[in-house]
Amino acid sequence: MGIECFLARVTRSIECANQLKRRPPLLTRLLQGGALALALCFLPRGTAAQDFVPVSLTLEEAIDIARRNNPGLAAIRNDEDLANWNVRSAYGALFPSASLNGGVSWQGSGEQTFGSLSFDQLGFANQPSFIFSNYNVGLDYQINGRTLLAPGQAKADRVATRAQLADAEANLVFQVTQGYIDVLRQIEQLRVSEQQRERATFNLRLAAARLAVGSATGVDLAQAEVAVGRSEVTVLQTANALETARIRVLQQMGVDLDSPFVPTTPFTLSEPRWDREELYQMGLERNPNLRALRASRSSSSYGVKMAKSAYLPSISLRAGTSGFTRQASNSVSAIQQAEFQAQSSIQNCLFFNDLFSRLTNPLPSQDCSQLQFTDADARQIRNQNTGFPFSFTGQPPTASLSISLPIFQGFSRQRQVSEAQVRLEDLDLNLREQELALRADIATTLATVRTAYQAALIEEQNQTLADEQLRLARERFTVGLADFQELLEAETLKVEADREQIAAIFAYHDFLANLEAVVGNSLRTP
């Protein structure tokens, strides 16, 4: 029930379109028969339309779906995101970079050496283990000609990337359009094949009836049976070609290959009255390949400036500060050292007091008891051994400024400039070559479109004549005025005329799609 309703909707939509817009009667029949044939072939009972592929699919919808789902185009679109980040990175290089480093370390207990002597020999026995922490804050700023020009180069590269994306998208549109047209072509070929089979079956019944009344021979009946078999083979081959064309379109759209659809966009014949020079000017402005080449040329032009920037000086500015902490596993060694230093100070004090007392004019003695190591001193040492990990001892800040002027680098800069200039010159020549090719492509393709249009009109007349000839041959065979061979020849001419008409009509649309791809703009009558 669902398929019958769908077919009715398709037929009504085509009839409404015919009322709103005049089309040649032949193309109307082609669209109606094609829609019905494709629906019968690919819409089994109970099949529901998928969300992202409408069953009644227009060319515009197919192109929109392909833009969203085609994997190749999505991969190229990722390049645009990378180009955007390259622009941000180029601007970020104009600002100074800052760094913050920190760390911790541990040193085990044991005997250590200081030069050729050990700490034990120096009187510092029983060294404990230590744990350290440190930080370092740095500011680094470097500027040169390449850094200053990098944002402009990155933006030019981004424009080139976008132009390449537009070129890839235009190529995808062309491929989807060609595939869509091919589906319509194969639909009509299948319709002609089915009509051929129906006529062959009718001729078989007619030959059998004449054989029954004795006005035909067994050879005529055999020839009719062979014609039916050949028509069956033709139907199978055209159905396979239609399935292949349908799958190719779905592949370009990037969707499920089992998605059923009916192409509903009408492709009408219209006389090509475009002016060749106007098309050329339009192509110069809109051709995706030329636009991509111009964007690449602009990027290469900036590349020459980037190469010449190697002759400019570079400036480097650095500043930083740091700090550290150290904490021992115990304070015994530090207390022992402090006691040893206190005792040494007391002995020195007593020695000088004795020396001062022996002078002719004795000097006042010092109070050596003040140098005595006390429990308060020991507690202070223990309290000071708690700096880890954030009680840093700051180090003096540092700052430096340097200017570098390149003098000689082994002709590498000259080679880079020459390479950039050659690349730019090659793009100029390539651009000129593509402009000449564009003019030639427009001239030849436009002439081909005009020829295809005239051929389609002639083939329409031939098809009408073949219809009349087949009708007359069938009437003559029915009344016994012609043999079956004459009927087969008329049938063959009819099939050839139908197929040549379809080939001429869709050849026109193929060439028109090529012309649109070259010009970079739609030329079809809305």
Protein backbone atom coordinates (compact mmCIF):
# COMPACT_ATOMS: atom_id res chain seq x y z
CA MET A 1 0.00 0.00 0.00
CA GLY A 2 2.88 2.34 0.85
CA ILE A 3 4.52 1.98 -2.58
CA GLU A 4 1.31 2.66 -4.46
CA CYS A 5 0.77 5.86 -2.45
CA PHE A 6 4.36 6.91 -3.06
CA LEU A 7 4.08 6.33 -6.81
CA ALA A 8 0.86 8.35 -6.86
CA ARG A 9 2.60 11.25 -5.09
CA VAL A 10 5.53 11.14 -7.54
CA THR A 11 3.17 11.16 -10.51
CA ARG A 12 1.11 14.04 -9.08
CA SER A 13 4.25 16.09 -8.39
CA ILE A 14 5.43 15.66 -11.97
CA GLU A 15 2.02 16.58 -13.35
CA CYS A 16 1.94 19.73 -11.19
CA ALA A 17 5.41 20.66 -12.42
CA ASN A 18 4.23 20.25 -16.00
CA GLN A 19 1.38 22.70 -15.38
CA LEU A 20 3.70 25.27 -13.84
CA LYS A 21 6.42 25.02 -16.44
CA ARG A 22 6.35 24.12 -20.11
CA ARG A 23 8.56 21.23 -21.17
CA PRO A 24 8.84 19.19 -24.35
CA PRO A 25 6.30 16.31 -24.16
CA LEU A 26 9.07 13.76 -24.65
CA LEU A 27 11.00 14.89 -21.56
CA THR A 28 7.80 14.84 -19.53
CA ARG A 29 7.24 11.22 -20.49
CA LEU A 30 10.87 10.44 -19.72
CA LEU A 31 10.61 11.85 -16.21
CA GLN A 32 7.31 10.13 -15.48
CA GLY A 33 8.43 6.76 -16.76
CA GLY A 34 11.83 7.10 -15.10
CA ALA A 35 10.42 7.92 -11.68
CA LEU A 36 8.01 5.00 -11.85
CA ALA A 37 10.66 2.57 -13.09
CA LEU A 38 13.15 3.50 -10.39
CA ALA A 39 10.49 3.28 -7.69
CA LEU A 40 9.48 -0.20 -8.85
CA CYS A 41 13.08 -1.37 -8.97
CA PHE A 42 14.35 0.00 -5.68
CA LEU A 43 11.38 0.44 -3.36
CA PRO A 44 10.27 -2.97 -2.08
CA ARG A 45 7.13 -3.18 0.02
CA GLY A 46 7.58 -2.01 3.58
CA THR A 47 10.73 0.01 2.83
CA ALA A 48 10.81 3.34 4.66
CA ALA A 49 12.66 6.43 3.48
CA GLN A 50 15.85 7.15 5.36
CA ASP A 51 16.10 10.35 7.31
CA PHE A 52 19.12 11.81 5.53
CA VAL A 53 18.27 10.69 1.95
CA PRO A 54 14.76 11.71 0.83
CA VAL A 55 13.05 9.18 -1.41
CA SER A 56 12.06 12.02 -3.77
CA LEU A 57 15.56 13.39 -4.21
CA THR A 58 16.27 16.59 -6.10
CA LEU A 59 19.69 17.46 -7.46
CA GLU A 60 20.04 20.32 -4.96
CA GLU A 61 19.31 17.96 -2.06
CA ALA A 62 21.83 15.44 -3.37
CA ILE A 63 24.50 18.14 -3.59
CA ASP A 64 23.73 19.43 -0.06
CA ILE A 65 23.95 15.90 1.35
CA ALA A 66 27.26 15.35 -0.45
CA ARG A 67 28.67 18.58 0.95
CA ARG A 68 27.86 17.42 4.47
CA ASN A 69 28.80 13.75 4.21
CA ASN A 70 31.45 13.25 1.52
CA PRO A 71 34.60 12.01 3.36
CA GLY A 72 37.05 13.46 0.87
CA LEU A 73 35.56 16.93 1.14
CA ALA A 74 35.48 16.64 4.94
CA ALA A 75 39.19 15.78 4.94
CA ILE A 76 39.97 18.87 2.85
CA ARG A 77 37.74 20.95 5.12
CA ASN A 78 39.97 19.93 8.05
CA ASP A 79 42.83 21.73 6.31
CA GLU A 80 40.93 24.98 6.77
CA ASP A 81 40.85 24.44 10.55
CA LEU A 82 44.59 23.86 10.49
CA ALA A 83 45.07 27.04 8.43
CA ASN A 84 43.09 29.00 11.03
CA TRP A 85 45.36 27.72 13.77
CA ASN A 86 48.42 28.62 11.70
CA VAL A 87 47.20 32.23 11.61
CA ARG A 88 46.68 32.25 15.38
CA SER A 89 50.10 30.72 15.91
CA ALA A 90 51.76 33.34 13.67
CA TYR A 91 50.21 36.16 15.69
CA GLY A 92 51.11 34.38 18.93
CA ALA A 93 54.78 34.40 17.91
CA LEU A 94 54.71 38.22 18.12
CA PHE A 95 54.27 37.99 21.92
CA PRO A 96 56.96 36.91 24.39
CA SER A 97 56.97 33.36 25.66
CA ALA A 98 56.99 32.65 29.39
CA SER A 99 58.06 29.50 31.21
CA LEU A 100 57.82 28.27 34.78
CA ASN A 101 59.98 25.33 35.82
CA GLY A 102 60.18 23.59 39.16
CA GLY A 103 61.44 20.35 40.61
CA VAL A 104 62.45 18.37 43.66
CA SER A 105 65.50 16.20 44.28
CA TRP A 106 66.90 13.98 47.03
CA GLN A 107 70.43 13.26 48.18
CA GLY A 108 71.17 10.28 50.42
CA SER A 109 73.29 10.28 53.56
CA GLY A 110 76.91 9.16 53.54
CA GLU A 111 80.45 10.39 53.15
CA GLN A 112 80.95 13.05 50.51
CA THR A 113 84.08 14.57 49.03
CA PHE A 114 85.01 18.19 48.59
CA GLY A 115 87.86 18.23 46.13
CA SER A 116 90.50 15.78 47.34
CA LEU A 117 89.21 15.81 50.92
CA SER A 118 86.17 14.18 52.39
CA PHE A 119 83.69 15.94 54.64
CA ASP A 120 84.80 13.62 57.45
CA GLN A 121 88.36 14.90 57.13
CA LEU A 122 87.04 18.44 57.25
CA GLY A 123 85.25 17.67 60.49
CA PHE A 124 81.75 17.24 59.07
CA ALA A 125 80.99 13.63 59.85
CA ASN A 126 77.62 11.85 59.75
CA GLN A 127 76.20 13.88 56.88
CA PRO A 128 72.38 13.38 56.69
CA SER A 129 70.26 12.99 53.59
CA PHE A 130 68.85 16.16 51.96
CA ILE A 131 65.75 16.99 49.96
CA PHE A 132 65.74 19.99 47.61
CA SER A 133 63.14 22.00 45.70
CA ASN A 134 63.64 24.79 43.17
CA TYR A 135 61.83 27.00 40.69
CA ASN A 136 62.81 29.05 37.67
CA VAL A 137 60.68 31.73 35.98
CA GLY A 138 61.81 32.85 32.55
CA LEU A 139 60.65 35.33 29.92
CA ASP A 140 61.93 34.95 26.34
CA TYR A 141 61.20 37.26 23.43
CA GLN A 142 62.68 36.86 19.97
CA ILE A 143 61.76 38.96 16.96
CA ASN A 144 63.04 38.93 13.39
CA GLY A 145 61.82 39.61 9.88
CA ARG A 146 60.30 36.18 9.41
CA THR A 147 58.33 36.50 12.64
CA LEU A 148 56.98 39.90 11.62
CA LEU A 149 55.89 38.63 8.19
CA ALA A 150 54.54 35.29 9.41
CA PRO A 151 50.95 36.50 10.07
CA GLY A 152 50.61 37.82 6.53
CA GLN A 153 52.00 34.58 5.10
CA ALA A 154 49.65 32.50 7.25
CA LYS A 155 46.62 34.52 6.14
CA ALA A 156 47.64 34.18 2.49
CA ASP A 157 48.00 30.42 2.99
CA ARG A 158 44.56 30.32 4.59
CA VAL A 159 43.03 32.08 1.59
CA ALA A 160 44.75 29.53 -0.67
CA THR A 161 43.43 26.67 1.45
CA ARG A 162 39.89 28.02 1.26
CA ALA A 163 40.22 28.39 -2.51
CA GLN A 164 41.39 24.78 -2.76
CA LEU A 165 38.40 23.74 -0.65
CA ALA A 166 36.08 25.64 -3.00
CA ASP A 167 37.73 23.90 -5.95
CA ALA A 168 37.24 20.49 -4.34
CA GLU A 169 33.62 21.34 -3.53
CA ALA A 170 32.98 22.43 -7.13
CA ASN A 171 34.49 19.17 -8.37
CA LEU A 172 32.22 17.24 -6.00
CA VAL A 173 29.18 19.16 -7.27
CA PHE A 174 30.18 18.28 -10.83
CA GLN A 175 30.58 14.58 -9.97
CA VAL A 176 27.24 14.43 -8.16
CA THR A 177 25.54 16.22 -11.07
CA GLN A 178 27.04 13.81 -13.57
CA GLY A 179 26.00 10.84 -11.44
CA TYR A 180 22.49 12.23 -11.03
CA ILE A 181 22.18 12.67 -14.80
CA ASP A 182 23.50 9.15 -15.32
CA VAL A 183 20.80 7.75 -13.03
CA LEU A 184 18.14 9.52 -15.09
CA ARG A 185 19.77 8.23 -18.27
CA GLN A 186 19.75 4.64 -17.04
CA ILE A 187 16.14 5.00 -15.89
CA GLU A 188 15.14 5.91 -19.43
CA GLN A 189 17.27 3.12 -20.88
CA LEU A 190 15.47 0.68 -18.57
CA ARG A 191 12.10 2.08 -19.64
CA VAL A 192 13.01 1.60 -23.31
CA SER A 193 14.23 -1.93 -22.58
CA GLU A 194 10.98 -2.79 -20.84
CA GLN A 195 8.98 -1.35 -23.74
CA GLN A 196 11.09 -3.41 -26.12
CA ARG A 197 10.30 -6.52 -24.09
CA GLU A 198 6.59 -5.72 -24.10
CA ARG A 199 6.59 -5.23 -27.87
CA ALA A 200 8.58 -8.44 -28.36
CA THR A 201 6.07 -10.33 -26.22
CA PHE A 202 3.19 -8.83 -28.21
CA ASN A 203 4.91 -9.76 -31.47
CA LEU A 204 5.36 -13.32 -30.17
CA ARG A 205 1.65 -13.59 -29.48
CA LEU A 206 0.90 -12.09 -32.89
CA ALA A 207 3.22 -14.56 -34.63
CA ALA A 208 1.67 -17.46 -32.72
CA ALA A 209 -1.83 -16.32 -33.75
CA ARG A 210 -0.82 -16.07 -37.40
CA LEU A 211 0.86 -19.46 -37.23
CA ALA A 212 -2.36 -20.91 -35.87
CA VAL A 213 -4.30 -19.66 -38.91
CA GLY A 214 -1.52 -20.69 -41.28
CA SER A 215 -0.42 -17.21 -42.36
CA ALA A 216 2.99 -17.43 -40.62
CA THR A 217 5.74 -20.01 -40.48
CA GLY A 218 7.56 -21.71 -37.63
CA VAL A 219 10.62 -19.61 -38.47
CA ASP A 220 8.63 -16.47 -37.72
CA LEU A 221 7.62 -17.89 -34.35
CA ALA A 222 11.22 -18.85 -33.53
CA GLN A 223 12.46 -15.38 -34.45
CA ALA A 224 9.81 -13.86 -32.17
CA GLU A 225 10.90 -16.12 -29.30
CA VAL A 226 14.55 -15.13 -29.83
CA ALA A 227 13.54 -11.45 -29.79
CA VAL A 228 11.79 -11.95 -26.45
CA GLY A 229 14.89 -13.62 -24.99
CA ARG A 230 17.17 -10.86 -26.20
CA SER A 231 14.87 -8.22 -24.76
CA GLU A 232 15.01 -10.02 -21.38
CA VAL A 233 18.81 -9.86 -21.47
CA THR A 234 18.69 -6.16 -22.34
CA VAL A 235 16.38 -5.47 -19.39
CA LEU A 236 18.80 -7.26 -17.03
CA GLN A 237 21.78 -5.33 -18.37
CA THR A 238 20.10 -1.93 -18.16
CA ALA A 239 18.78 -2.70 -14.66
CA ASN A 240 22.33 -3.49 -13.58
CA ALA A 241 23.59 -0.27 -15.16
CA LEU A 242 20.90 1.65 -13.26
CA GLU A 243 21.88 0.01 -9.97
CA THR A 244 25.53 0.85 -10.62
CA ALA A 245 24.72 4.50 -11.38
CA ARG A 246 22.57 4.75 -8.25
CA ILE A 247 25.36 3.33 -6.05
CA ARG A 248 27.91 5.75 -7.52
CA VAL A 249 25.71 8.72 -6.67
CA LEU A 250 25.24 7.49 -3.10
CA GLN A 251 28.99 6.96 -2.85
CA GLN A 252 29.64 10.57 -3.83
CA MET A 253 26.98 11.67 -1.33
CA GLY A 254 28.77 9.71 1.42
CA VAL A 255 25.65 7.87 2.63
CA ASP A 256 24.35 4.31 2.88
CA LEU A 257 24.58 2.60 -0.51
CA ASP A 258 21.21 0.90 0.08
CA SER A 259 19.33 4.20 0.43
CA PRO A 260 16.42 4.25 -2.05
CA PHE A 261 15.71 7.46 -3.92
CA VAL A 262 13.89 8.75 -6.99
CA PRO A 263 15.53 11.65 -8.89
CA THR A 264 12.89 14.31 -9.41
CA THR A 265 14.82 17.31 -10.77
CA PRO A 266 13.74 17.92 -14.39
CA PHE A 267 16.47 18.31 -17.00
CA THR A 268 14.96 20.13 -19.96
CA LEU A 269 16.36 20.99 -23.37
CA SER A 270 16.94 24.69 -23.89
CA GLU A 271 18.66 26.35 -26.79
CA PRO A 272 22.20 27.45 -25.82
CA ARG A 273 22.24 31.16 -26.59
CA TRP A 274 25.13 32.19 -24.36
CA ASP A 275 27.84 34.46 -25.72
CA ARG A 276 31.28 32.89 -25.69
CA GLU A 277 33.07 36.03 -24.53
CA GLU A 278 30.59 36.56 -21.68
CA LEU A 279 31.14 32.97 -20.57
CA TYR A 280 34.90 33.52 -20.68
CA GLN A 281 34.69 36.62 -18.49
CA MET A 282 32.45 34.72 -16.09
CA GLY A 283 34.93 31.84 -16.05
CA LEU A 284 37.86 34.17 -15.33
CA GLU A 285 36.01 35.41 -12.27
CA ARG A 286 34.37 32.22 -10.98
CA ASN A 287 36.32 29.21 -12.23
CA PRO A 288 37.34 27.38 -9.01
CA ASN A 289 40.66 26.19 -10.40
CA LEU A 290 41.69 29.69 -11.47
CA ARG A 291 40.66 31.11 -8.11
CA ALA A 292 42.76 28.47 -6.35
CA LEU A 293 45.74 29.27 -8.57
CA ARG A 294 45.40 33.00 -7.90
CA ALA A 295 45.29 32.35 -4.15
CA SER A 296 48.38 30.13 -4.41
CA ARG A 297 50.09 32.84 -6.43
CA SER A 298 49.33 35.41 -3.70
CA SER A 299 50.74 33.04 -1.09
CA SER A 300 53.90 32.49 -3.14
CA SER A 301 54.28 36.25 -3.61
CA TYR A 302 54.32 36.62 0.16
CA GLY A 303 56.80 33.74 0.28
CA VAL A 304 59.30 35.88 -1.65
CA LYS A 305 59.06 38.52 1.08
CA MET A 306 59.53 35.84 3.72
CA ALA A 307 62.69 34.61 1.98
CA LYS A 308 64.11 38.15 1.77
CA SER A 309 63.46 38.68 5.49
CA ALA A 310 66.45 36.41 6.22
CA TYR A 311 68.66 39.47 5.55
CA LEU A 312 67.14 41.39 8.48
CA PRO A 313 68.63 41.32 12.02
CA SER A 314 67.05 39.41 14.88
CA ILE A 315 66.58 40.60 18.46
CA SER A 316 66.49 38.36 21.51
CA LEU A 317 65.45 39.41 25.04
CA ARG A 318 65.63 37.09 28.04
CA ALA A 319 64.84 37.65 31.73
CA GLY A 320 64.39 35.31 34.64
CA THR A 321 64.58 34.64 38.34
CA SER A 322 64.92 31.49 40.45
CA GLY A 323 64.91 30.17 44.02
CA PHE A 324 65.69 27.02 45.98
CA THR A 325 65.10 25.26 49.29
CA ARG A 326 67.13 22.62 51.14
CA GLN A 327 66.03 20.50 54.08
CA ALA A 328 68.08 17.83 55.83
CA SER A 329 66.58 14.61 57.18
CA ASN A 330 67.83 15.63 60.64
CA SER A 331 69.60 18.60 62.27
CA VAL A 332 72.32 16.67 64.14
CA SER A 333 75.08 17.48 61.69
CA ALA A 334 74.11 21.17 61.49
CA ILE A 335 74.03 21.39 65.34
CA GLN A 336 77.42 19.69 65.56
CA GLN A 337 78.86 22.14 63.06
CA ALA A 338 77.37 25.08 64.95
CA GLU A 339 78.79 23.73 68.28
CA PHE A 340 82.19 23.27 66.62
CA GLN A 341 82.11 26.81 65.27
CA ALA A 342 81.02 28.14 68.70
CA GLN A 343 83.89 26.34 70.42
CA SER A 344 86.32 27.66 67.84
CA SER A 345 85.01 31.18 68.37
CA ILE A 346 85.36 30.85 72.16
CA GLN A 347 88.96 29.63 71.82
CA ASN A 348 89.75 32.52 69.52
CA CYS A 349 88.13 34.93 71.98
CA LEU A 350 90.18 33.55 74.88
CA PHE A 351 93.34 33.70 72.78
CA PHE A 352 92.80 37.37 71.92
CA ASN A 353 91.87 38.23 75.53
CA ASP A 354 95.15 36.72 76.69
CA LEU A 355 97.00 38.54 73.91
CA PHE A 356 95.35 41.85 74.79
CA SER A 357 96.30 41.41 78.48
CA ARG A 358 100.00 41.09 77.59
CA LEU A 359 100.19 44.40 75.80
CA THR A 360 101.89 47.40 77.34
CA ASN A 361 98.59 49.13 77.34
CA PRO A 362 96.19 46.23 77.79
CA LEU A 363 92.94 46.34 75.85
CA PRO A 364 89.67 45.48 77.48
CA SER A 365 88.83 41.80 77.19
CA GLN A 366 85.70 40.43 75.53
CA ASP A 367 82.98 38.39 77.18
CA CYS A 368 83.56 34.97 75.61
CA SER A 369 80.56 33.47 77.37
CA GLN A 370 78.30 35.19 74.87
CA LEU A 371 79.69 32.90 72.14
CA GLN A 372 78.62 29.80 73.99
CA PHE A 373 76.30 27.47 71.97
CA THR A 374 72.99 27.23 73.78
CA ASP A 375 69.80 25.18 73.55
CA ALA A 376 68.10 28.19 71.97
CA ASP A 377 70.65 28.09 69.15
CA ALA A 378 69.93 24.39 68.63
CA ARG A 379 66.19 25.05 68.50
CA GLN A 380 66.73 27.83 65.96
CA ILE A 381 68.73 25.47 63.73
CA ARG A 382 65.95 22.87 63.94
CA ASN A 383 63.33 25.50 63.09
CA GLN A 384 65.33 26.66 60.07
CA ASN A 385 65.46 23.10 58.73
CA THR A 386 61.77 23.21 57.65
CA GLY A 387 61.93 25.18 54.36
CA PHE A 388 60.89 22.37 51.98
CA PRO A 389 59.08 22.66 49.62
CA PHE A 390 57.95 26.31 49.29
CA SER A 391 60.12 28.46 51.56
CA PHE A 392 62.41 29.40 48.70
CA THR A 393 65.60 31.37 48.97
CA GLY A 394 65.47 33.76 46.05
CA GLN A 395 68.36 34.14 43.62
CA PRO A 396 69.28 37.42 41.93
CA PRO A 397 67.21 38.09 38.77
CA THR A 398 68.92 38.12 35.37
CA ALA A 399 68.22 39.90 32.09
CA SER A 400 69.95 39.95 28.70
CA LEU A 401 69.49 41.60 25.32
CA SER A 402 71.21 40.47 22.14
CA ILE A 403 71.08 41.56 18.51
CA SER A 404 72.19 39.28 15.70
CA LEU A 405 72.96 40.48 12.19
CA PRO A 406 73.58 37.68 9.65
CA ILE A 407 76.61 38.38 7.44
CA PHE A 408 77.34 35.25 5.44
CA GLN A 409 75.47 31.94 5.49
CA GLY A 410 76.91 30.08 2.55
CA PHE A 411 74.52 31.54 -0.06
CA SER A 412 71.58 29.76 1.57
CA ARG A 413 69.56 32.98 1.74
CA GLN A 414 70.19 33.75 -1.91
CA ARG A 415 69.09 30.23 -2.83
CA GLN A 416 65.88 30.57 -0.79
CA VAL A 417 65.04 33.91 -2.42
CA SER A 418 65.74 32.52 -5.88
CA GLU A 419 63.66 29.42 -5.16
CA ALA A 420 60.72 31.55 -4.00
CA GLN A 421 60.95 33.78 -7.08
CA VAL A 422 61.08 30.77 -9.42
CA ARG A 423 58.04 29.27 -7.68
CA LEU A 424 56.18 32.56 -8.14
CA GLU A 425 57.15 32.75 -11.81
CA ASP A 426 56.01 29.16 -12.37
CA LEU A 427 52.62 29.98 -10.86
CA ASP A 428 52.31 33.03 -13.12
CA LEU A 429 53.00 30.86 -16.16
CA ASN A 430 50.62 28.19 -14.92
CA LEU A 431 47.93 30.78 -14.34
CA ARG A 432 48.40 32.12 -17.86
CA GLU A 433 48.27 28.61 -19.24
CA GLN A 434 45.03 27.88 -17.37
CA GLU A 435 43.46 31.09 -18.64
CA LEU A 436 44.26 30.07 -22.21
CA ALA A 437 42.93 26.59 -21.51
CA LEU A 438 39.78 28.13 -20.06
CA ARG A 439 39.13 30.08 -23.24
CA ALA A 440 39.69 26.96 -25.34
CA ASP A 441 37.52 24.78 -23.08
CA ILE A 442 34.66 27.28 -23.16
CA ALA A 443 34.83 27.61 -26.95
CA THR A 444 34.93 23.86 -27.62
CA THR A 445 32.42 22.89 -24.93
CA LEU A 446 29.95 25.58 -25.98
CA ALA A 447 30.18 24.38 -29.58
CA THR A 448 29.65 20.81 -28.39
CA VAL A 449 26.59 21.83 -26.35
CA ARG A 450 25.08 23.56 -29.39
CA THR A 451 25.76 20.51 -31.53
CA ALA A 452 24.24 18.22 -28.90
CA TYR A 453 21.13 20.39 -28.76
CA GLN A 454 20.64 20.19 -32.52
CA ALA A 455 21.32 16.45 -32.46
CA ALA A 456 18.68 15.97 -29.74
CA LEU A 457 16.09 17.79 -31.85
CA ILE A 458 16.93 15.64 -34.88
CA GLU A 459 16.80 12.45 -32.84
CA GLU A 460 13.35 13.45 -31.57
CA GLN A 461 12.17 13.65 -35.17
CA ASN A 462 13.82 10.31 -35.93
CA GLN A 463 12.02 8.75 -32.98
CA THR A 464 8.68 10.00 -34.27
CA LEU A 465 9.40 8.53 -37.70
CA ALA A 466 10.46 5.22 -36.16
CA ASP A 467 7.19 5.08 -34.21
CA GLU A 468 5.23 5.54 -37.42
CA GLN A 469 7.31 2.98 -39.29
CA LEU A 470 6.81 0.36 -36.54
CA ARG A 471 3.06 1.01 -36.52
CA LEU A 472 2.85 0.52 -40.28
CA ALA A 473 5.01 -2.61 -40.20
CA ARG A 474 2.87 -4.15 -37.46
CA GLU A 475 -0.32 -3.40 -39.42
CA ARG A 476 1.16 -4.90 -42.62
CA PHE A 477 2.26 -8.03 -40.71
CA THR A 478 -1.17 -8.37 -39.11
CA VAL A 479 -2.97 -8.36 -42.47
CA GLY A 480 -0.32 -10.56 -44.10
CA LEU A 481 1.23 -7.94 -46.38
CA ALA A 482 4.70 -8.23 -44.74
CA ASP A 483 6.75 -11.02 -43.25
CA PHE A 484 8.07 -11.16 -39.70
CA GLN A 485 11.55 -10.05 -40.80
CA GLU A 486 10.17 -6.67 -41.84
CA LEU A 487 8.51 -6.33 -38.43
CA LEU A 488 11.80 -7.16 -36.67
CA GLU A 489 13.64 -4.57 -38.73
CA ALA A 490 11.06 -1.94 -37.82
CA GLU A 491 11.32 -2.99 -34.17
CA THR A 492 15.10 -2.71 -34.32
CA LEU A 493 14.89 0.75 -35.83
CA LYS A 494 12.41 1.76 -33.13
CA VAL A 495 14.71 0.59 -30.31
CA GLU A 496 17.72 2.30 -31.91
CA ALA A 497 15.76 5.53 -32.36
CA ASP A 498 14.62 5.47 -28.72
CA ARG A 499 18.11 4.81 -27.43
CA GLU A 500 19.73 7.39 -29.69
CA GLN A 501 17.18 9.96 -28.58
CA ILE A 502 17.93 9.26 -24.92
CA ALA A 503 21.66 9.33 -25.63
CA ALA A 504 21.35 12.68 -27.44
CA ILE A 505 19.24 14.28 -24.71
CA PHE A 506 21.53 13.26 -21.88
CA ALA A 507 24.67 13.96 -23.90
CA TYR A 508 23.42 17.54 -24.07
CA HIS A 509 23.06 17.62 -20.29
CA ASP A 510 26.49 16.01 -19.82
CA PHE A 511 28.16 18.64 -21.98
CA LEU A 512 26.17 21.39 -20.27
CA ALA A 513 27.39 20.11 -16.87
CA ASN A 514 30.96 20.26 -18.23
CA LEU A 515 30.41 23.83 -19.39
CA GLU A 516 29.02 24.80 -15.98
CA ALA A 517 32.06 23.27 -14.29
CA VAL A 518 34.39 25.24 -16.55
CA VAL A 519 32.51 28.51 -16.08
CA GLY A 520 32.03 27.93 -12.35
CA ASN A 521 28.36 28.87 -12.36
CA SER A 522 24.99 27.26 -13.16
CA LEU A 523 23.69 27.97 -16.67
CA ARG A 524 20.44 26.01 -16.50
CA THR A 525 17.14 27.78 -16.92
CA PRO A 526 15.43 27.95 -13.50
